[in-house]
Amino acid sequence: MRPKRLMALAAGGVTIAAAVSISTHKARGQDEALLAPVYNPYPPGIIPAALDAELARVLREVNFIENEA
């Protein structure tokens, strides 16, 4: 490879590495508890407690309907 092209590729790699490092950097003293809570648009009681079981039930119903079609 030509030296200029190799230098440009190396500079690009360093730039990408720096951008990834900066974007994933956690500020010093930042605590998970101080971050905003997870947004949940649903009022209490709408989402079932056994969400995995409900999801499996719905997927079984969908598979049954697709098999009939």
PDB file of N, CA and C in Angstrom:
ATOM      1  N   MET A   1       0.836  -1.182   0.000  1.00  0.00           N
ATOM      2  CA  MET A   1       0.000   0.000   0.000  1.00  0.00           C
ATOM      3  C   MET A   1       0.881   1.246   0.000  1.00  0.00           C
ATOM      4  N   ARG A   2       0.328   2.282  -0.526  1.00  0.00           N
ATOM      5  CA  ARG A   2       1.050   3.548  -0.518  1.00  0.00           C
ATOM      6  C   ARG A   2       1.062   4.117   0.894  1.00  0.00           C
ATOM      7  N   PRO A   3       2.126   4.785   1.249  1.00  0.00           N
ATOM      8  CA  PRO A   3       2.223   5.351   2.603  1.00  0.00           C
ATOM      9  C   PRO A   3       1.115   6.357   2.912  1.00  0.00           C
ATOM     10  N   LYS A   4       0.726   7.166   1.930  1.00  0.00           N
ATOM     11  CA  LYS A   4      -0.326   8.152   2.180  1.00  0.00           C
ATOM     12  C   LYS A   4      -1.658   7.467   2.465  1.00  0.00           C
ATOM     13  N   ARG A   5      -1.942   6.428   1.688  1.00  0.00           N
ATOM     14  CA  ARG A   5      -3.202   5.702   1.882  1.00  0.00           C
ATOM     15  C   ARG A   5      -3.198   4.982   3.227  1.00  0.00           C
ATOM     16  N   LEU A   6      -2.072   4.389   3.581  1.00  0.00           N
ATOM     17  CA  LEU A   6      -1.954   3.699   4.867  1.00  0.00           C
ATOM     18  C   LEU A   6      -2.118   4.681   6.024  1.00  0.00           C
ATOM     19  N   MET A   7      -1.558   5.858   5.885  1.00  0.00           N
ATOM     20  CA  MET A   7      -1.671   6.882   6.922  1.00  0.00           C
ATOM     21  C   MET A   7      -3.113   7.353   7.055  1.00  0.00           C
ATOM     22  N   ALA A   8      -3.807   7.505   5.930  1.00  0.00           N
ATOM     23  CA  ALA A   8      -5.210   7.928   5.963  1.00  0.00           C
ATOM     24  C   ALA A   8      -6.081   6.859   6.625  1.00  0.00           C
ATOM     25  N   LEU A   9      -5.829   5.599   6.319  1.00  0.00           N
ATOM     26  CA  LEU A   9      -6.583   4.514   6.954  1.00  0.00           C
ATOM     27  C   LEU A   9      -6.320   4.464   8.457  1.00  0.00           C
ATOM     28  N   ALA A  10      -5.073   4.656   8.847  1.00  0.00           N
ATOM     29  CA  ALA A  10      -4.739   4.651  10.271  1.00  0.00           C
ATOM     30  C   ALA A  10      -5.416   5.813  10.986  1.00  0.00           C
ATOM     31  N   ALA A  11      -5.416   6.982  10.373  1.00  0.00           N
ATOM     32  CA  ALA A  11      -6.061   8.144  10.982  1.00  0.00           C
ATOM     33  C   ALA A  11      -7.568   7.914  11.099  1.00  0.00           C
ATOM     34  N   GLY A  12      -8.166   7.315  10.084  1.00  0.00           N
ATOM     35  CA  GLY A  12      -9.595   6.999  10.142  1.00  0.00           C
ATOM     36  C   GLY A  12      -9.903   6.008  11.246  1.00  0.00           C
ATOM     37  N   GLY A  13      -9.064   5.001  11.394  1.00  0.00           N
ATOM     38  CA  GLY A  13      -9.266   4.015  12.458  1.00  0.00           C
ATOM     39  C   GLY A  13      -9.163   4.627  13.838  1.00  0.00           C
ATOM     40  N   VAL A  14      -8.192   5.505  14.019  1.00  0.00           N
ATOM     41  CA  VAL A  14      -8.025   6.178  15.305  1.00  0.00           C
ATOM     42  C   VAL A  14      -9.224   7.073  15.588  1.00  0.00           C
ATOM     43  N   THR A  15      -9.723   7.749  14.561  1.00  0.00           N
ATOM     44  CA  THR A  15     -10.886   8.622  14.734  1.00  0.00           C
ATOM     45  C   THR A  15     -12.111   7.820  15.148  1.00  0.00           C
ATOM     46  N   ILE A  16     -12.338   6.688  14.500  1.00  0.00           N
ATOM     47  CA  ILE A  16     -13.482   5.832  14.839  1.00  0.00           C
ATOM     48  C   ILE A  16     -13.336   5.288  16.255  1.00  0.00           C
ATOM     49  N   ALA A  17     -12.138   4.843  16.612  1.00  0.00           N
ATOM     50  CA  ALA A  17     -11.911   4.319  17.959  1.00  0.00           C
ATOM     51  C   ALA A  17     -12.152   5.391  19.015  1.00  0.00           C
ATOM     52  N   ALA A  18     -11.710   6.612  18.743  1.00  0.00           N
ATOM     53  CA  ALA A  18     -11.914   7.702  19.696  1.00  0.00           C
ATOM     54  C   ALA A  18     -13.394   8.039  19.828  1.00  0.00           C
ATOM     55  N   ALA A  19     -14.119   8.037  18.710  1.00  0.00           N
ATOM     56  CA  ALA A  19     -15.551   8.342  18.755  1.00  0.00           C
ATOM     57  C   ALA A  19     -16.306   7.293  19.557  1.00  0.00           C
ATOM     58  N   VAL A  20     -15.983   6.030  19.368  1.00  0.00           N
ATOM     59  CA  VAL A  20     -16.646   4.969  20.126  1.00  0.00           C
ATOM     60  C   VAL A  20     -16.300   5.077  21.601  1.00  0.00           C
ATOM     61  N   SER A  21     -15.051   5.359  21.894  1.00  0.00           N
ATOM     62  CA  SER A  21     -14.628   5.481  23.285  1.00  0.00           C
ATOM     63  C   SER A  21     -15.336   6.637  23.986  1.00  0.00           C
ATOM     64  N   ILE A  22     -15.468   7.752  23.310  1.00  0.00           N
ATOM     65  CA  ILE A  22     -16.113   8.920  23.913  1.00  0.00           C
ATOM     66  C   ILE A  22     -17.613   8.689  24.065  1.00  0.00           C
ATOM     67  N   SER A  23     -18.243   8.072  23.061  1.00  0.00           N
ATOM     68  CA  SER A  23     -19.695   7.893  23.121  1.00  0.00           C
ATOM     69  C   SER A  23     -20.118   6.887  24.179  1.00  0.00           C
ATOM     70  N   THR A  24     -19.251   5.958  24.550  1.00  0.00           N
ATOM     71  CA  THR A  24     -19.604   4.962  25.557  1.00  0.00           C
ATOM     72  C   THR A  24     -19.017   5.286  26.925  1.00  0.00           C
ATOM     73  N   HIS A  25     -18.358   6.417  27.045  1.00  0.00           N
ATOM     74  CA  HIS A  25     -17.709   6.803  28.294  1.00  0.00           C
ATOM     75  C   HIS A  25     -18.743   7.195  29.340  1.00  0.00           C
ATOM     76  N   LYS A  26     -18.573   6.705  30.542  1.00  0.00           N
ATOM     77  CA  LYS A  26     -19.443   7.054  31.658  1.00  0.00           C
ATOM     78  C   LYS A  26     -18.735   8.129  32.475  1.00  0.00           C
ATOM     79  N   ALA A  27     -19.421   9.233  32.704  1.00  0.00           N
ATOM     80  CA  ALA A  27     -18.817  10.345  33.428  1.00  0.00           C
ATOM     81  C   ALA A  27     -18.442   9.924  34.844  1.00  0.00           C
ATOM     82  N   ARG A  28     -17.367  10.465  35.338  1.00  0.00           N
ATOM     83  CA  ARG A  28     -16.901  10.145  36.672  1.00  0.00           C
ATOM     84  C   ARG A  28     -17.936  10.607  37.697  1.00  0.00           C
ATOM     85  N   GLY A  29     -18.308   9.735  38.612  1.00  0.00           N
ATOM     86  CA  GLY A  29     -19.268  10.069  39.648  1.00  0.00           C
ATOM     87  C   GLY A  29     -20.717   9.869  39.226  1.00  0.00           C
ATOM     88  N   GLN A  30     -20.919   9.464  37.993  1.00  0.00           N
ATOM     89  CA  GLN A  30     -22.287   9.245  37.525  1.00  0.00           C
ATOM     90  C   GLN A  30     -22.809   7.948  38.143  1.00  0.00           C
ATOM     91  N   ASP A  31     -23.953   8.023  38.773  1.00  0.00           N
ATOM     92  CA  ASP A  31     -24.530   6.879  39.454  1.00  0.00           C
ATOM     93  C   ASP A  31     -25.760   6.411  38.695  1.00  0.00           C
ATOM     94  N   GLU A  32     -25.969   5.107  38.646  1.00  0.00           N
ATOM     95  CA  GLU A  32     -27.137   4.558  37.947  1.00  0.00           C
ATOM     96  C   GLU A  32     -28.436   5.072  38.562  1.00  0.00           C
ATOM     97  N   ALA A  33     -28.454   5.311  39.870  1.00  0.00           N
ATOM     98  CA  ALA A  33     -29.676   5.755  40.536  1.00  0.00           C
ATOM     99  C   ALA A  33     -30.056   7.173  40.129  1.00  0.00           C
ATOM    100  N   LEU A  34     -29.091   7.952  39.672  1.00  0.00           N
ATOM    101  CA  LEU A  34     -29.378   9.328  39.283  1.00  0.00           C
ATOM    102  C   LEU A  34     -29.899   9.439  37.853  1.00  0.00           C
ATOM    103  N   LEU A  35     -29.793   8.367  37.095  1.00  0.00           N
ATOM    104  CA  LEU A  35     -30.294   8.395  35.730  1.00  0.00           C
ATOM    105  C   LEU A  35     -31.814   8.396  35.740  1.00  0.00           C
ATOM    106  N   ALA A  36     -32.407   8.883  34.679  1.00  0.00           N
ATOM    107  CA  ALA A  36     -33.871   8.948  34.580  1.00  0.00           C
ATOM    108  C   ALA A  36     -34.455   7.543  34.622  1.00  0.00           C
ATOM    109  N   PRO A  37     -35.598   7.364  35.272  1.00  0.00           N
ATOM    110  CA  PRO A  37     -36.213   6.042  35.318  1.00  0.00           C
ATOM    111  C   PRO A  37     -36.699   5.613  33.929  1.00  0.00           C
ATOM    112  N   VAL A  38     -36.868   4.319  33.760  1.00  0.00           N
ATOM    113  CA  VAL A  38     -37.336   3.785  32.483  1.00  0.00           C
ATOM    114  C   VAL A  38     -38.770   4.236  32.255  1.00  0.00           C
ATOM    115  N   TYR A  39     -39.039   4.761  31.075  1.00  0.00           N
ATOM    116  CA  TYR A  39     -40.373   5.253  30.748  1.00  0.00           C
ATOM    117  C   TYR A  39     -41.324   4.076  30.545  1.00  0.00           C
ATOM    118  N   ASN A  40     -42.452   4.098  31.242  1.00  0.00           N
ATOM    119  CA  ASN A  40     -43.482   3.079  31.089  1.00  0.00           C
ATOM    120  C   ASN A  40     -44.810   3.798  30.857  1.00  0.00           C
ATOM    121  N   PRO A  41     -45.348   3.760  29.615  1.00  0.00           N
ATOM    122  CA  PRO A  41     -46.539   4.532  29.305  1.00  0.00           C
ATOM    123  C   PRO A  41     -47.834   3.922  29.829  1.00  0.00           C
ATOM    124  N   TYR A  42     -47.775   2.704  30.359  1.00  0.00           N
ATOM    125  CA  TYR A  42     -48.988   2.002  30.761  1.00  0.00           C
ATOM    126  C   TYR A  42     -49.325   2.254  32.233  1.00  0.00           C
ATOM    127  N   PRO A  43     -50.613   2.448  32.526  1.00  0.00           N
ATOM    128  CA  PRO A  43     -50.996   2.602  33.926  1.00  0.00           C
ATOM    129  C   PRO A  43     -50.816   1.286  34.682  1.00  0.00           C
ATOM    130  N   PRO A  44     -50.676   1.343  35.993  1.00  0.00           N
ATOM    131  CA  PRO A  44     -50.483   0.119  36.776  1.00  0.00           C
ATOM    132  C   PRO A  44     -51.644  -0.851  36.590  1.00  0.00           C
ATOM    133  N   GLY A  45     -51.323  -2.133  36.481  1.00  0.00           N
ATOM    134  CA  GLY A  45     -52.339  -3.172  36.373  1.00  0.00           C
ATOM    135  C   GLY A  45     -52.653  -3.601  34.950  1.00  0.00           C
ATOM    136  N   ILE A  46     -52.184  -2.872  33.936  1.00  0.00           N
ATOM    137  CA  ILE A  46     -52.492  -3.254  32.548  1.00  0.00           C
ATOM    138  C   ILE A  46     -51.583  -4.380  32.082  1.00  0.00           C
ATOM    139  N   ILE A  47     -50.301  -4.290  32.384  1.00  0.00           N
ATOM    140  CA  ILE A  47     -49.360  -5.332  31.987  1.00  0.00           C
ATOM    141  C   ILE A  47     -49.460  -6.463  33.001  1.00  0.00           C
ATOM    142  N   PRO A  48     -49.702  -7.705  32.527  1.00  0.00           N
ATOM    143  CA  PRO A  48     -49.842  -8.824  33.465  1.00  0.00           C
ATOM    144  C   PRO A  48     -48.533  -9.114  34.198  1.00  0.00           C
ATOM    145  N   ALA A  49     -48.668  -9.624  35.414  1.00  0.00           N
ATOM    146  CA  ALA A  49     -47.490  -9.936  36.226  1.00  0.00           C
ATOM    147  C   ALA A  49     -46.657 -11.045  35.587  1.00  0.00           C
ATOM    148  N   ALA A  50     -47.343 -12.060  35.033  1.00  0.00           N
ATOM    149  CA  ALA A  50     -46.659 -13.178  34.382  1.00  0.00           C
ATOM    150  C   ALA A  50     -46.563 -12.879  32.887  1.00  0.00           C
ATOM    151  N   LEU A  51     -45.760 -11.902  32.545  1.00  0.00           N
ATOM    152  CA  LEU A  51     -45.673 -11.441  31.165  1.00  0.00           C
ATOM    153  C   LEU A  51     -45.146 -12.525  30.233  1.00  0.00           C
ATOM    154  N   ASP A  52     -44.178 -13.323  30.676  1.00  0.00           N
ATOM    155  CA  ASP A  52     -43.631 -14.382  29.828  1.00  0.00           C
ATOM    156  C   ASP A  52     -44.689 -15.428  29.496  1.00  0.00           C
ATOM    157  N   ALA A  53     -45.485 -15.812  30.483  1.00  0.00           N
ATOM    158  CA  ALA A  53     -46.542 -16.799  30.241  1.00  0.00           C
ATOM    159  C   ALA A  53     -47.606 -16.235  29.302  1.00  0.00           C
ATOM    160  N   GLU A  54     -47.944 -14.980  29.467  1.00  0.00           N
ATOM    161  CA  GLU A  54     -48.940 -14.346  28.589  1.00  0.00           C
ATOM    162  C   GLU A  54     -48.414 -14.239  27.166  1.00  0.00           C
ATOM    163  N   LEU A  55     -47.161 -13.906  27.014  1.00  0.00           N
ATOM    164  CA  LEU A  55     -46.553 -13.830  25.688  1.00  0.00           C
ATOM    165  C   LEU A  55     -46.553 -15.200  25.016  1.00  0.00           C
ATOM    166  N   ALA A  56     -46.217 -16.252  25.762  1.00  0.00           N
ATOM    167  CA  ALA A  56     -46.238 -17.607  25.206  1.00  0.00           C
ATOM    168  C   ALA A  56     -47.646 -18.001  24.784  1.00  0.00           C
ATOM    169  N   ARG A  57     -48.665 -17.623  25.572  1.00  0.00           N
ATOM    170  CA  ARG A  57     -50.049 -17.938  25.227  1.00  0.00           C
ATOM    171  C   ARG A  57     -50.453 -17.250  23.930  1.00  0.00           C
ATOM    172  N   VAL A  58     -50.111 -15.981  23.794  1.00  0.00           N
ATOM    173  CA  VAL A  58     -50.467 -15.238  22.586  1.00  0.00           C
ATOM    174  C   VAL A  58     -49.745 -15.822  21.369  1.00  0.00           C
ATOM    175  N   LEU A  59     -48.488 -16.180  21.522  1.00  0.00           N
ATOM    176  CA  LEU A  59     -47.751 -16.783  20.400  1.00  0.00           C
ATOM    177  C   LEU A  59     -48.361 -18.121  19.996  1.00  0.00           C
ATOM    178  N   ARG A  60     -48.837 -18.914  20.969  1.00  0.00           N
ATOM    179  CA  ARG A  60     -49.514 -20.167  20.625  1.00  0.00           C
ATOM    180  C   ARG A  60     -50.792 -19.896  19.841  1.00  0.00           C
ATOM    181  N   GLU A  61     -51.549 -18.883  20.244  1.00  0.00           N
ATOM    182  CA  GLU A  61     -52.774 -18.533  19.525  1.00  0.00           C
ATOM    183  C   GLU A  61     -52.469 -18.082  18.098  1.00  0.00           C
ATOM    184  N   VAL A  62     -51.411 -17.271  17.946  1.00  0.00           N
ATOM    185  CA  VAL A  62     -51.044 -16.804  16.621  1.00  0.00           C
ATOM    186  C   VAL A  62     -50.631 -17.981  15.745  1.00  0.00           C
ATOM    187  N   ASN A  63     -49.843 -18.899  16.287  1.00  0.00           N
ATOM    188  CA  ASN A  63     -49.427 -20.082  15.519  1.00  0.00           C
ATOM    189  C   ASN A  63     -50.622 -20.930  15.128  1.00  0.00           C
ATOM    190  N   PHE A  64     -51.592 -21.075  16.028  1.00  0.00           N
ATOM    191  CA  PHE A  64     -52.789 -21.855  15.729  1.00  0.00           C
ATOM    192  C   PHE A  64     -53.572 -21.218  14.579  1.00  0.00           C
ATOM    193  N   ILE A  65     -53.737 -19.899  14.643  1.00  0.00           N
ATOM    194  CA  ILE A  65     -54.491 -19.204  13.597  1.00  0.00           C
ATOM    195  C   ILE A  65     -53.742 -19.282  12.270  1.00  0.00           C
ATOM    196  N   GLU A  66     -52.424 -19.139  12.286  1.00  0.00           N
ATOM    197  CA  GLU A  66     -51.654 -19.227  11.044  1.00  0.00           C
ATOM    198  C   GLU A  66     -51.708 -20.637  10.456  1.00  0.00           C
ATOM    199  N   ASN A  67     -51.704 -21.656  11.297  1.00  0.00           N
ATOM    200  CA  ASN A  67     -51.785 -23.040  10.805  1.00  0.00           C
ATOM    201  C   ASN A  67     -53.144 -23.341  10.199  1.00  0.00           C
ATOM    202  N   GLU A  68     -54.196 -22.723  10.714  1.00  0.00           N
ATOM    203  CA  GLU A  68     -55.537 -22.942  10.151  1.00  0.00           C
ATOM    204  C   GLU A  68     -55.688 -22.255   8.792  1.00  0.00           C
ATOM    205  N   ALA A  69     -54.986 -21.149   8.616  1.00  0.00           N
ATOM    206  CA  ALA A  69     -55.157 -20.369   7.373  1.00  0.00           C
ATOM    207  C   ALA A  69     -54.533 -21.042   6.169  1.00  0.00           C
TER     208      ALA A  69
END
